[in-house]
Protein backbone atom coordinates (compact mmCIF):
# COMPACT_ATOMS: atom_id res chain seq x y z
CA UNK A 1 100.31 -97.65 137.23
CA UNK A 2 103.03 -99.94 136.92
CA UNK A 3 104.52 -102.31 139.69
CA UNK A 4 106.21 -100.54 142.14
CA UNK A 5 108.30 -103.41 143.78
CA UNK A 6 107.53 -106.66 145.27
CA UNK A 7 105.80 -105.77 148.97
CA UNK A 8 105.46 -109.24 150.17
CA UNK A 9 107.91 -110.98 152.72
CA UNK A 10 107.31 -114.63 150.88
CA UNK A 11 109.20 -116.64 153.93
CA UNK A 12 106.11 -116.87 155.61
CA UNK A 13 105.00 -118.93 152.93
CA UNK A 14 107.62 -121.31 152.79
CA UNK A 15 106.95 -122.72 156.07
CA UNK A 16 103.22 -123.33 155.11
CA UNK A 17 102.74 -127.13 153.33
CA UNK A 18 101.95 -126.59 149.89
CA UNK A 19 98.84 -129.49 150.71
CA UNK A 20 97.29 -126.15 152.56
CA UNK A 21 96.49 -124.74 149.33
CA UNK A 22 94.26 -127.90 148.06
CA UNK A 23 92.62 -127.81 151.35
CA UNK A 24 91.99 -124.01 151.18
CA UNK A 25 90.73 -123.36 147.68
CA UNK A 26 87.74 -125.26 147.55
CA UNK A 27 86.35 -123.11 150.69
CA UNK A 28 87.09 -120.03 149.03
CA UNK A 29 83.56 -118.91 148.53
CA UNK A 30 83.05 -119.67 151.90
CA UNK A 31 85.22 -117.79 153.51
CA UNK A 32 84.82 -114.59 150.96
CA UNK A 33 81.34 -115.13 152.04
CA UNK A 34 81.86 -114.41 156.08
CA UNK A 35 84.60 -111.46 155.18
CA UNK A 36 82.25 -109.53 153.22
CA UNK A 37 79.52 -110.00 155.93
CA UNK A 38 82.22 -108.97 158.66
CA UNK A 39 83.54 -106.09 156.86
CA UNK A 40 80.02 -104.80 156.15
CA UNK A 41 79.19 -105.29 159.73
CA UNK A 42 82.24 -103.72 161.31
CA UNK A 43 83.68 -101.17 159.10
CA UNK A 44 81.17 -98.47 158.84
CA UNK A 45 81.90 -96.76 154.92
CA UNK A 46 81.36 -100.48 153.47
CA UNK A 47 77.87 -101.02 154.88
CA UNK A 48 76.39 -100.62 151.30
CA UNK A 49 74.37 -103.50 149.92
CA UNK A 50 75.99 -106.54 148.08
CA UNK A 51 75.25 -105.42 144.35
CA UNK A 52 76.11 -101.52 145.04
CA UNK A 53 79.50 -100.20 143.30
CA UNK A 54 80.55 -100.08 147.33
CA UNK A 55 79.63 -103.84 147.76
CA UNK A 56 81.43 -105.00 144.34
CA UNK A 57 84.52 -103.50 145.37
CA UNK A 58 84.75 -105.27 148.87
CA UNK A 59 84.11 -108.57 147.10
CA UNK A 60 86.59 -108.33 144.12
CA UNK A 61 89.49 -107.74 146.89
CA UNK A 62 88.18 -110.03 148.88
CA UNK A 63 88.23 -112.83 145.97
CA UNK A 64 91.51 -111.26 145.29
CA UNK A 65 93.29 -111.32 148.54
CA UNK A 66 92.22 -115.20 149.04
CA UNK A 67 93.17 -116.27 145.54
CA UNK A 68 96.59 -114.76 146.14
CA UNK A 69 96.63 -116.41 149.77
CA UNK A 70 96.68 -119.85 147.60
CA UNK A 71 98.60 -118.83 145.15
CA UNK A 72 101.64 -118.03 147.86
CA UNK A 73 100.99 -121.31 149.46
CA UNK A 74 101.13 -122.93 146.31
CA UNK A 75 104.64 -121.23 144.69
CA UNK A 76 105.92 -118.35 147.34
CA UNK A 77 107.77 -117.07 144.34
CA UNK A 78 104.66 -117.07 141.95
CA UNK A 79 105.06 -113.54 140.21
CA UNK A 80 102.58 -111.07 142.16
CA UNK A 81 102.35 -107.40 139.81
CA UNK A 82 99.01 -108.13 138.67
CA UNK A 83 97.76 -108.42 141.87
CA UNK A 84 99.65 -105.17 143.34
CA UNK A 85 98.15 -103.21 140.29
CA UNK A 86 94.74 -104.40 141.35
CA UNK A 87 95.34 -103.37 145.48
CA UNK A 88 96.99 -100.39 144.32
CA UNK A 89 93.68 -99.81 142.34
CA UNK A 90 91.65 -100.05 145.18
CA UNK A 91 93.40 -97.20 147.67
CA UNK A 92 93.02 -95.17 144.19
CA UNK A 93 89.56 -95.67 144.71
CA UNK A 94 89.46 -94.62 148.11
CA UNK A 95 90.88 -91.12 147.05
CA UNK A 96 88.66 -91.13 144.34
CA UNK A 97 85.54 -91.01 146.33
CA UNK A 98 86.64 -88.78 148.98
CA UNK A 99 87.03 -91.53 151.52
CA UNK A 100 90.69 -92.36 153.82
CA UNK A 101 92.71 -95.02 153.73
CA UNK A 102 91.54 -95.76 157.41
CA UNK A 103 88.71 -97.66 155.87
CA UNK A 104 90.18 -99.77 153.92
CA UNK A 105 92.78 -100.77 156.26
CA UNK A 106 90.22 -101.79 158.96
CA UNK A 107 88.56 -103.95 156.52
CA UNK A 108 91.60 -105.60 155.84
CA UNK A 109 92.14 -106.10 159.77
CA UNK A 110 88.90 -107.54 160.30
CA UNK A 111 89.35 -109.69 156.32
CA UNK A 112 92.64 -111.08 158.03
CA UNK A 113 91.11 -111.79 161.48
CA UNK A 114 88.01 -114.20 159.67
CA UNK A 115 90.82 -115.67 157.03
CA UNK A 116 93.09 -116.63 160.49
CA UNK A 117 90.69 -118.45 162.16
CA UNK A 118 89.59 -120.47 159.00
CA UNK A 119 92.76 -121.07 157.84
CA UNK A 120 93.87 -122.74 161.34
CA UNK A 121 90.47 -124.81 161.51
CA UNK A 122 90.70 -126.18 157.95
CA UNK A 123 94.55 -126.97 158.92
CA UNK A 124 93.67 -128.72 162.19
CA UNK A 125 90.80 -130.77 159.82
CA UNK A 126 92.93 -131.83 157.82
CA UNK A 127 95.68 -133.16 159.88
CA UNK A 128 98.37 -131.07 159.06
CA UNK A 129 101.19 -130.74 161.65
CA UNK A 130 99.98 -128.87 164.77
CA UNK A 131 103.02 -126.61 164.18
CA UNK A 132 101.31 -125.38 161.14
CA UNK A 133 99.51 -122.85 162.63
CA UNK A 134 102.30 -120.91 163.04
CA UNK A 135 103.46 -120.11 159.91
CA UNK A 136 100.13 -119.97 158.51
CA UNK A 137 99.46 -116.93 160.74
CA UNK A 138 102.92 -115.10 160.06
CA UNK A 139 101.72 -115.22 156.40
CA UNK A 140 98.37 -113.96 157.11
CA UNK A 141 99.78 -111.00 159.27
CA UNK A 142 102.42 -110.37 156.36
CA UNK A 143 99.52 -110.48 153.74
CA UNK A 144 97.84 -107.79 155.47
CA UNK A 145 101.02 -105.66 155.86
CA UNK A 146 101.67 -106.02 152.26
CA UNK A 147 97.61 -105.32 150.95
CA UNK A 148 97.73 -102.11 153.26
CA UNK A 149 101.28 -100.96 151.50
CA UNK A 150 99.71 -101.56 148.30
CA UNK A 151 96.84 -99.71 149.54
CA UNK A 152 98.34 -96.34 150.70
CA UNK A 153 100.79 -96.63 147.70
CA UNK A 154 97.98 -96.08 145.38
CA UNK A 155 96.13 -93.62 147.54
CA UNK A 156 99.28 -91.41 147.79
CA UNK A 157 99.64 -91.95 143.57
CA UNK A 158 95.73 -90.62 143.43
CA UNK A 159 96.40 -87.70 145.59
CA UNK A 160 99.65 -86.43 143.77
CA UNK A 161 97.77 -87.01 140.42
CA UNK A 162 95.06 -85.43 141.34
CA UNK A 163 97.09 -82.00 143.03
CA UNK A 164 99.26 -82.15 139.56
CA UNK A 165 96.27 -81.87 137.74
CA UNK A 166 94.70 -79.37 139.99
CA UNK A 167 97.79 -77.14 139.29
CA UNK A 168 97.93 -77.45 135.62
CA UNK A 169 94.59 -76.21 135.66
CA UNK A 170 95.17 -73.54 138.02
CA UNK A 171 98.00 -72.21 135.93
CA UNK A 172 95.96 -71.97 132.79
CA UNK A 173 93.22 -70.54 134.79
CA UNK A 174 95.89 -68.15 135.69
CA UNK A 175 96.84 -67.53 132.20
CA UNK A 176 93.09 -67.08 130.83
CA UNK A 177 92.33 -64.91 133.83
CA UNK A 178 95.67 -62.33 132.40
CA UNK A 179 94.76 -62.45 128.87
CA UNK A 180 93.26 -58.79 127.30
CA UNK A 181 91.40 -60.02 124.33
CA UNK A 182 88.25 -58.60 122.70
CA UNK A 183 87.29 -62.19 121.00
CA UNK A 184 84.88 -63.96 122.58
CA UNK A 185 86.51 -67.54 124.55
CA UNK A 186 85.44 -70.40 123.45
CA UNK A 187 85.43 -71.98 127.14
CA UNK A 188 83.21 -70.31 130.00
CA UNK A 189 85.80 -68.91 132.58
CA UNK A 190 83.27 -70.58 135.20
CA UNK A 191 84.14 -74.11 133.70
CA UNK A 192 88.27 -73.46 133.74
CA UNK A 193 87.66 -72.19 137.54
CA UNK A 194 85.82 -75.62 138.59
CA UNK A 195 88.81 -77.68 136.61
CA UNK A 196 91.13 -75.57 139.17
CA UNK A 197 88.60 -76.37 142.30
CA UNK A 198 88.85 -72.38 142.72
CA UNK A 199 85.19 -70.32 143.40
CA UNK A 200 84.89 -67.48 141.33
CA UNK A 201 85.74 -64.02 143.36
CA UNK A 202 84.58 -60.53 142.54
CA UNK A 203 87.77 -58.48 142.67
CA UNK A 204 91.55 -60.06 142.36
CA UNK A 205 95.00 -58.41 142.64
CA UNK A 206 98.00 -59.51 140.92
CA UNK A 207 101.50 -59.39 142.45
CA UNK A 208 104.46 -59.86 140.28
CA UNK A 209 107.71 -61.57 141.39
CA UNK A 210 111.29 -60.41 139.59
CA UNK A 211 113.64 -62.88 139.39
CA UNK A 212 115.12 -63.93 142.88
CA UNK A 213 118.09 -66.89 142.84
CA UNK A 214 118.14 -69.77 145.47
CA UNK A 215 114.51 -70.97 144.74
CA UNK A 216 113.36 -67.40 146.42
CA UNK A 217 110.05 -68.04 144.02
CA UNK A 218 109.58 -71.54 145.31
CA UNK A 219 110.22 -70.17 149.35
CA UNK A 220 107.90 -67.13 148.70
CA UNK A 221 105.16 -69.28 147.19
CA UNK A 222 105.28 -71.91 149.98
CA UNK A 223 104.02 -68.77 152.49
CA UNK A 224 101.18 -67.73 150.40
CA UNK A 225 97.15 -68.78 150.42
CA UNK A 226 96.07 -72.05 149.21
CA UNK A 227 93.90 -70.53 146.82
CA UNK A 228 96.12 -68.20 145.46
CA UNK A 229 96.97 -68.89 141.54
CA UNK A 230 100.52 -69.08 140.84
CA UNK A 231 101.82 -68.76 137.26
CA UNK A 232 105.46 -68.58 135.85
CA UNK A 233 106.40 -66.50 133.34
CA UNK A 234 109.55 -66.04 132.12
CA UNK A 235 111.87 -65.05 135.03
CA UNK A 236 108.79 -63.71 136.80
CA UNK A 237 106.44 -65.51 139.16
CA UNK A 238 103.16 -63.67 138.77
CA UNK A 239 100.01 -64.40 141.75
CA UNK A 240 96.57 -63.97 141.28
CA UNK A 241 95.27 -63.30 145.03
CA UNK A 242 91.14 -63.44 145.39
CA UNK A 243 89.09 -61.13 147.11
CA UNK A 244 92.47 -59.65 148.71
CA UNK A 245 90.77 -57.20 150.63
CA UNK A 246 88.92 -59.95 152.72
CA UNK A 247 90.47 -61.52 155.97
CA UNK A 248 93.81 -60.05 156.19
CA UNK A 249 94.84 -61.48 153.32
CA UNK A 250 97.41 -59.04 151.41
CA UNK A 251 99.19 -58.56 155.23
CA UNK A 252 99.73 -62.24 154.62
CA UNK A 253 100.43 -61.88 151.10
CA UNK A 254 103.18 -59.16 152.10
CA UNK A 255 104.73 -61.16 154.52
CA UNK A 256 105.12 -64.10 152.70
CA UNK A 257 107.01 -61.95 149.24
CA UNK A 258 108.99 -59.84 151.82
CA UNK A 259 112.47 -59.48 150.95
CA UNK A 260 111.91 -60.26 147.14
CA UNK A 261 111.54 -57.90 144.63
CA UNK A 262 107.74 -57.67 144.06
CA UNK A 263 104.87 -54.79 143.01
CA UNK A 264 101.69 -55.55 143.71
CA UNK A 265 98.44 -54.57 141.23
CA UNK A 266 95.57 -52.63 142.58
CA UNK A 267 92.13 -54.32 143.26
CA UNK A 268 90.59 -54.72 140.09
CA UNK A 269 87.06 -56.44 138.94
CA UNK A 270 87.91 -59.99 138.11
CA UNK A 271 87.74 -59.30 134.09
CA UNK A 272 90.59 -56.90 134.90
CA UNK A 273 92.90 -59.35 136.45
CA UNK A 274 95.40 -58.31 133.07
CA UNK A 275 95.31 -54.60 134.04
CA UNK A 276 96.39 -55.25 137.98
CA UNK A 277 98.89 -57.41 136.37
CA UNK A 278 100.12 -54.87 133.78
CA UNK A 279 100.29 -52.17 136.89
CA UNK A 280 102.29 -54.35 138.59
CA UNK A 281 105.25 -55.38 136.59
CA UNK A 282 104.87 -51.40 135.36
CA UNK A 283 105.73 -50.88 139.40
CA UNK A 284 108.26 -53.48 139.68
CA UNK A 285 110.27 -52.15 136.28
CA UNK A 286 110.02 -48.77 137.56
CA UNK A 287 111.01 -49.16 140.84
CA UNK A 288 114.28 -47.61 141.20
CA UNK A 289 112.61 -44.67 139.72
CA UNK A 290 109.77 -44.05 142.52
CA UNK A 291 111.99 -44.79 145.11
CA UNK A 292 110.46 -47.89 146.54
CA UNK A 293 112.51 -49.98 149.06
CA UNK A 294 114.03 -53.03 148.50
CA UNK A 295 112.58 -55.31 150.87
CA UNK A 296 109.20 -54.32 150.54
CA UNK A 297 106.28 -54.88 148.33
CA UNK A 298 105.92 -52.12 145.92
CA UNK A 299 101.77 -50.93 146.19
CA UNK A 300 100.83 -50.31 142.29
CA UNK A 301 97.95 -48.23 143.46
CA UNK A 302 99.72 -45.87 145.47
CA UNK A 303 101.86 -44.66 142.65
CA UNK A 304 98.92 -45.17 139.56
CA UNK A 305 99.68 -41.25 138.35
CA UNK A 306 103.59 -41.99 137.97
CA UNK A 307 103.69 -45.43 136.42
CA UNK A 308 101.37 -43.88 133.76
CA UNK A 309 103.65 -41.49 133.09
CA UNK A 310 107.02 -43.70 133.00
CA UNK A 311 105.06 -45.98 130.77
CA UNK A 312 104.97 -42.96 128.34
CA UNK A 313 107.73 -41.70 129.47
CA UNK A 314 109.26 -41.05 125.79
CA UNK A 315 105.66 -39.59 124.26
CA UNK A 316 106.23 -37.30 127.71
CA UNK A 317 110.13 -36.15 126.79
CA UNK A 318 108.48 -34.70 123.58
CA UNK A 319 105.80 -32.97 125.38
CA UNK A 320 108.11 -31.20 127.81
CA UNK A 321 111.26 -30.46 124.80
CA UNK A 322 107.69 -29.09 122.96
CA UNK A 323 107.31 -27.02 126.13
CA UNK A 324 109.81 -25.94 126.87
CA UNK A 325 111.57 -24.82 123.17
CA UNK A 326 110.22 -21.29 124.15
CA UNK A 327 113.16 -21.46 126.75
CA UNK A 328 115.76 -22.49 124.81
CA UNK A 329 117.15 -18.61 123.80
CA UNK A 330 117.55 -18.52 127.57
CA UNK A 331 120.47 -19.13 129.19
CA UNK A 332 120.22 -22.47 131.05
CA UNK A 333 120.08 -21.26 134.99
CA UNK A 334 117.41 -18.73 133.82
CA UNK A 335 115.49 -21.55 131.83
CA UNK A 336 115.84 -23.83 134.67
CA UNK A 337 114.09 -21.46 136.94
CA UNK A 338 111.16 -20.54 134.67
CA UNK A 339 110.52 -23.92 133.79
CA UNK A 340 110.19 -24.44 138.16
CA UNK A 341 108.29 -21.56 138.69
CA UNK A 342 105.68 -22.70 135.32
CA UNK A 343 105.23 -26.43 137.20
CA UNK A 344 104.98 -24.40 140.72
CA UNK A 345 102.14 -22.14 139.25
CA UNK A 346 100.42 -25.02 137.09
CA UNK A 347 100.05 -26.69 140.50
CA UNK A 348 98.83 -23.91 142.59
CA UNK A 349 95.30 -23.07 143.05
CA UNK A 350 94.71 -19.65 143.07
CA UNK A 351 97.89 -19.29 140.51
CA UNK A 352 98.92 -15.42 142.72
CA UNK A 353 102.39 -14.56 143.29
CA UNK A 354 102.52 -15.62 147.16
CA UNK A 355 101.43 -19.41 146.21
CA UNK A 356 103.74 -19.76 143.77
CA UNK A 357 106.78 -17.97 145.55
CA UNK A 358 105.76 -20.16 149.42
CA UNK A 359 106.11 -23.56 146.89
CA UNK A 360 109.42 -22.06 145.46
CA UNK A 361 110.78 -20.72 148.34
CA UNK A 362 111.44 -17.66 146.81
CA UNK A 363 110.51 -13.93 147.68
CA UNK A 364 107.35 -12.72 145.90
CA UNK A 365 108.21 -9.93 143.91
CA UNK A 366 111.01 -12.71 142.39
CA UNK A 367 107.90 -14.87 141.39
CA UNK A 368 106.24 -11.77 139.87
CA UNK A 369 109.22 -11.24 137.83
CA UNK A 370 109.39 -14.46 136.88
CA UNK A 371 105.40 -14.81 135.91
CA UNK A 372 105.17 -11.65 133.84
CA UNK A 373 108.03 -13.64 131.68
CA UNK A 374 105.89 -16.50 131.43
CA UNK A 375 103.46 -14.39 130.15
CA UNK A 376 105.20 -13.29 127.47
CA UNK A 377 106.75 -16.30 126.39
CA UNK A 378 103.39 -18.97 126.76
CA UNK A 379 100.83 -15.86 126.42
CA UNK A 380 97.14 -16.82 126.55
CA UNK A 381 98.05 -20.57 126.45
CA UNK A 382 98.45 -20.27 130.22
CA UNK A 383 94.78 -20.02 130.84
CA UNK A 384 94.14 -22.74 128.37
CA UNK A 385 92.97 -26.10 130.00
CA UNK A 386 94.05 -28.41 127.65
CA UNK A 387 97.82 -26.40 127.56
CA UNK A 388 98.35 -26.17 131.37
CA UNK A 389 97.47 -30.33 131.65
CA UNK A 390 99.67 -31.56 129.05
CA UNK A 391 102.24 -29.09 129.88
CA UNK A 392 101.82 -30.32 133.84
CA UNK A 393 102.06 -33.85 133.20
CA UNK A 394 105.26 -33.23 130.60
CA UNK A 395 106.88 -31.51 133.11
CA UNK A 396 106.17 -34.16 136.40
CA UNK A 397 107.31 -36.75 133.56
CA UNK A 398 110.56 -34.70 132.95
CA UNK A 399 111.30 -34.55 137.21
CA UNK A 400 110.44 -38.23 136.99
CA UNK A 401 113.06 -39.45 134.20
CA UNK A 402 115.64 -37.17 135.49
CA UNK A 403 115.54 -39.28 138.92
CA UNK A 404 116.93 -41.97 137.21
């Protein structure tokens, strides 16, 4: 990490006699020893043996602080960038070791108290003017303030870096989950999940948000649960939601993306996350065909049949064209009425004239006449399950595409 600017107030050292550096230098080891012992005794997180990693870090910090004080006493304008890097590194170590900055700041306060007591006594023993005690004390206070500031800077930088690394790992994990590949992966999913600090769930659901102006994606993502994976893709924002059925998670998700064009894919097993995303994209693309409200996320699971038909709408149109070929010689109005009757017949349970008539809202005798015409046009095919299934899907597809 590069130095981020001088955090030291140099003025107190300008009031300290330069001679004090010569008085202090021979006593550095003695003062350092007492500082370390006092810190270990009073600051719980540093109660470690001298030769442990923590003990060595405390020793290095104490010696560096004392040497810096001597340097500043000799020359208040001396470069201090190397010390700044060292003390920022201590702040980073606090973060990496899972501690807060409370411990290191407490250690600095203890060290300042020990230093101040020794410095004032040494100045008096060296027969320096009594008024020397005041600038020495002020220098100690300025020093401890600067060291605390550097520790906080290093800690914050390490935390920001770790957060950035985690976010990058989470984006990579989300991209991997959304891959549909029959090829074996070189890296286990569990390894990626560990890097991303994301416990592998049993199920997921994917939500896709369309292009939003004014930073809408950022605003929506800010209200999500922390373990929701967020992956920007082109003009879309794709979310991978772990165990979506747990603890009101879907309610919170809907609230976060409310007022944005969004579609939620079905809940699937982890290795089928791509399928949930595929369904969500289809739903978002066809939300107007399905008559979905603009300010509520469309739930793809409630429209899977229609989405399936719309995804193959071109083939559905060909199927409908072949199905209605037998009607083309008829007048348009009559052909349309027979097509509607055919669809009602295919969707009825008993295929009786009264049942079909009720569905169409016409007289049963009218339906009987139409059914005889359909029998003349399609014959035995009306009893063929494959024909019935294909015809029903073709007519449903035609109805959906006519809604556009």
